[in-house]
Amino acid sequence: MEDSENFKIVAFLCNWCTYAAADLAGTGRLIYPPNVRTVRIMCSGSLDPMYVVKAFLEGADGVLVGGCALGDCHYTSGNYKARRKVAVLREVLDAVGIEKDRLWLRWISASESGLFSETIQQMTKAIKAMGPTLVQGRMIL
């Protein structure tokens, strides 16, 4: 995995905050690795955990869930729901042989394009150090 494009990161991003930050990072021409595939969801709390599992089964080496800052959710408590879902999901993934450090949860507001870019760079470096996931096409649940 010499090149960051040899592995995939799937990012499920809240429409109101983190997706807007990613869009702002793109229009602001901030540099971050091109191996990230974004999926816009209305709220991080609406993320179905099976989407994360499916991403890993389809070959993702890492998954990022991005949402509004705690206490600042456009749907009042969606990010608290996301936090609970991701905590449980990390334990389930770890139990079935997928390192829980491959699933990241970050709170990135709409104006924090720099933080989005920095997060993607950090995640890329961390995933690259772990190597590729070995679960592609394997039923785990």
Protein backbone atom coordinates (compact mmCIF):
# COMPACT_ATOMS: atom_id res chain seq x y z
CA MET A 1 0.00 0.00 0.00
CA GLU A 2 2.53 2.56 -1.05
CA ASP A 3 -0.03 4.90 -2.49
CA SER A 4 -3.05 6.22 -0.57
CA GLU A 5 -5.31 5.38 -3.51
CA ASN A 6 -4.79 1.63 -3.00
CA PHE A 7 -7.30 1.50 -0.18
CA LYS A 8 -10.75 2.93 0.44
CA ILE A 9 -12.29 5.04 3.15
CA VAL A 10 -16.05 5.47 3.11
CA ALA A 11 -17.32 8.57 4.89
CA PHE A 12 -20.95 8.86 6.01
CA LEU A 13 -21.40 12.60 6.51
CA CYS A 14 -24.19 14.63 8.07
CA ASN A 15 -25.80 16.85 5.45
CA TRP A 16 -25.88 19.92 7.65
CA CYS A 17 -22.37 19.99 9.06
CA THR A 18 -19.67 17.54 8.02
CA TYR A 19 -20.82 17.21 4.42
CA ALA A 20 -20.89 21.00 4.18
CA ALA A 21 -17.34 21.10 5.61
CA ALA A 22 -16.22 18.55 3.00
CA ASP A 23 -17.83 20.64 0.27
CA LEU A 24 -16.13 23.76 1.60
CA ALA A 25 -12.79 21.92 1.69
CA GLY A 26 -13.25 21.04 -1.98
CA THR A 27 -14.23 24.54 -3.08
CA GLY A 28 -11.42 25.97 -0.93
CA ARG A 29 -8.99 23.64 -2.71
CA LEU A 30 -7.74 22.14 0.54
CA ILE A 31 -5.52 19.14 0.02
CA TYR A 32 -6.56 15.73 1.31
CA PRO A 33 -6.10 12.19 -0.05
CA PRO A 34 -8.44 11.17 -2.88
CA ASN A 35 -9.23 7.72 -1.48
CA VAL A 36 -12.32 8.90 0.42
CA ARG A 37 -15.80 8.22 -0.92
CA THR A 38 -18.46 10.35 0.73
CA VAL A 39 -22.06 9.39 1.35
CA ARG A 40 -24.38 12.20 2.39
CA ILE A 41 -26.90 11.29 5.07
CA MET A 42 -29.40 13.69 6.58
CA CYS A 43 -28.13 13.16 10.13
CA SER A 44 -25.38 11.08 11.69
CA GLY A 45 -28.04 9.68 14.01
CA SER A 46 -29.93 8.26 11.04
CA LEU A 47 -27.00 6.06 10.02
CA ASP A 48 -28.01 2.40 9.88
CA PRO A 49 -25.14 0.34 11.34
CA MET A 50 -25.59 -2.16 8.52
CA TYR A 51 -24.34 0.53 6.10
CA VAL A 52 -21.03 0.46 7.95
CA VAL A 53 -20.90 -3.34 7.90
CA LYS A 54 -21.74 -3.35 4.19
CA ALA A 55 -18.98 -0.82 3.50
CA PHE A 56 -16.44 -3.16 5.10
CA LEU A 57 -17.85 -6.18 3.27
CA GLU A 58 -17.61 -4.29 -0.03
CA GLY A 59 -13.91 -3.59 0.53
CA ALA A 60 -13.62 -0.43 2.63
CA ASP A 61 -10.49 -0.32 4.74
CA GLY A 62 -11.90 2.39 7.00
CA VAL A 63 -15.19 4.14 7.70
CA LEU A 64 -15.69 7.68 8.96
CA VAL A 65 -18.95 8.88 10.48
CA GLY A 66 -19.11 12.66 10.62
CA GLY A 67 -21.74 14.75 12.33
CA CYS A 68 -22.58 18.06 13.95
CA ALA A 69 -20.88 18.98 17.21
CA LEU A 70 -22.55 17.56 20.31
CA GLY A 71 -25.38 19.82 21.37
CA ASP A 72 -25.55 21.43 17.92
CA CYS A 73 -27.50 18.81 15.95
CA HIS A 74 -30.11 20.10 13.52
CA TYR A 75 -32.32 17.20 14.64
CA THR A 76 -31.76 17.93 18.35
CA SER A 77 -30.20 14.65 19.50
CA GLY A 78 -29.11 12.81 16.36
CA ASN A 79 -25.42 13.06 17.13
CA TYR A 80 -25.97 11.51 20.58
CA LYS A 81 -27.72 8.60 18.85
CA ALA A 82 -24.80 8.31 16.44
CA ARG A 83 -22.34 8.24 19.32
CA ARG A 84 -24.21 5.33 20.94
CA LYS A 85 -24.52 3.43 17.65
CA VAL A 86 -20.85 3.81 16.79
CA ALA A 87 -19.74 2.75 20.29
CA VAL A 88 -21.73 -0.49 20.01
CA LEU A 89 -20.71 -1.02 16.39
CA ARG A 90 -17.01 -0.64 17.23
CA GLU A 91 -17.32 -3.44 19.79
CA VAL A 92 -19.22 -5.68 17.36
CA LEU A 93 -16.67 -5.10 14.61
CA ASP A 94 -13.82 -5.85 17.01
CA ALA A 95 -15.55 -9.07 18.10
CA VAL A 96 -15.75 -10.32 14.51
CA GLY A 97 -12.17 -9.52 13.60
CA ILE A 98 -12.32 -6.00 12.17
CA GLU A 99 -10.12 -3.64 14.17
CA LYS A 100 -12.37 -1.11 15.88
CA ASP A 101 -9.85 1.62 15.07
CA ARG A 102 -10.96 1.36 11.43
CA LEU A 103 -14.25 3.07 12.39
CA TRP A 104 -13.93 6.75 13.26
CA LEU A 105 -16.54 9.15 14.60
CA ARG A 106 -15.81 12.87 14.34
CA TRP A 107 -17.79 16.04 15.02
CA ILE A 108 -17.00 18.57 12.30
CA SER A 109 -19.07 21.73 11.89
CA ALA A 110 -19.93 23.24 8.52
CA SER A 111 -17.29 25.95 8.76
CA GLU A 112 -14.47 23.57 9.73
CA SER A 113 -13.20 22.59 6.31
CA GLY A 114 -9.63 22.60 7.60
CA LEU A 115 -10.57 20.13 10.33
CA PHE A 116 -12.24 17.90 7.73
CA SER A 117 -9.10 17.90 5.58
CA GLU A 118 -6.90 17.25 8.61
CA THR A 119 -9.16 14.41 9.78
CA ILE A 120 -9.00 12.70 6.39
CA GLN A 121 -5.21 13.03 6.35
CA GLN A 122 -4.94 11.56 9.86
CA MET A 123 -7.33 8.74 9.06
CA THR A 124 -5.49 7.92 5.84
CA LYS A 125 -2.20 7.72 7.72
CA ALA A 126 -3.72 5.51 10.45
CA ILE A 127 -5.45 3.15 8.01
CA LYS A 128 -2.32 2.92 5.89
CA ALA A 129 -0.35 1.86 8.99
CA MET A 130 -2.93 -0.87 9.73
CA GLY A 131 -2.83 -2.25 6.21
CA PRO A 132 -5.76 -3.50 4.18
CA THR A 133 -8.78 -5.07 5.84
CA LEU A 134 -9.14 -8.74 5.11
CA VAL A 135 -12.93 -9.10 5.29
CA GLN A 136 -13.98 -8.26 1.75
CA GLY A 137 -16.81 -10.54 0.72
CA ARG A 138 -16.88 -12.42 4.05
CA MET A 139 -20.14 -12.64 5.98
CA ILE A 140 -19.55 -11.45 9.52
CA LEU A 141 -23.03 -11.06 10.99
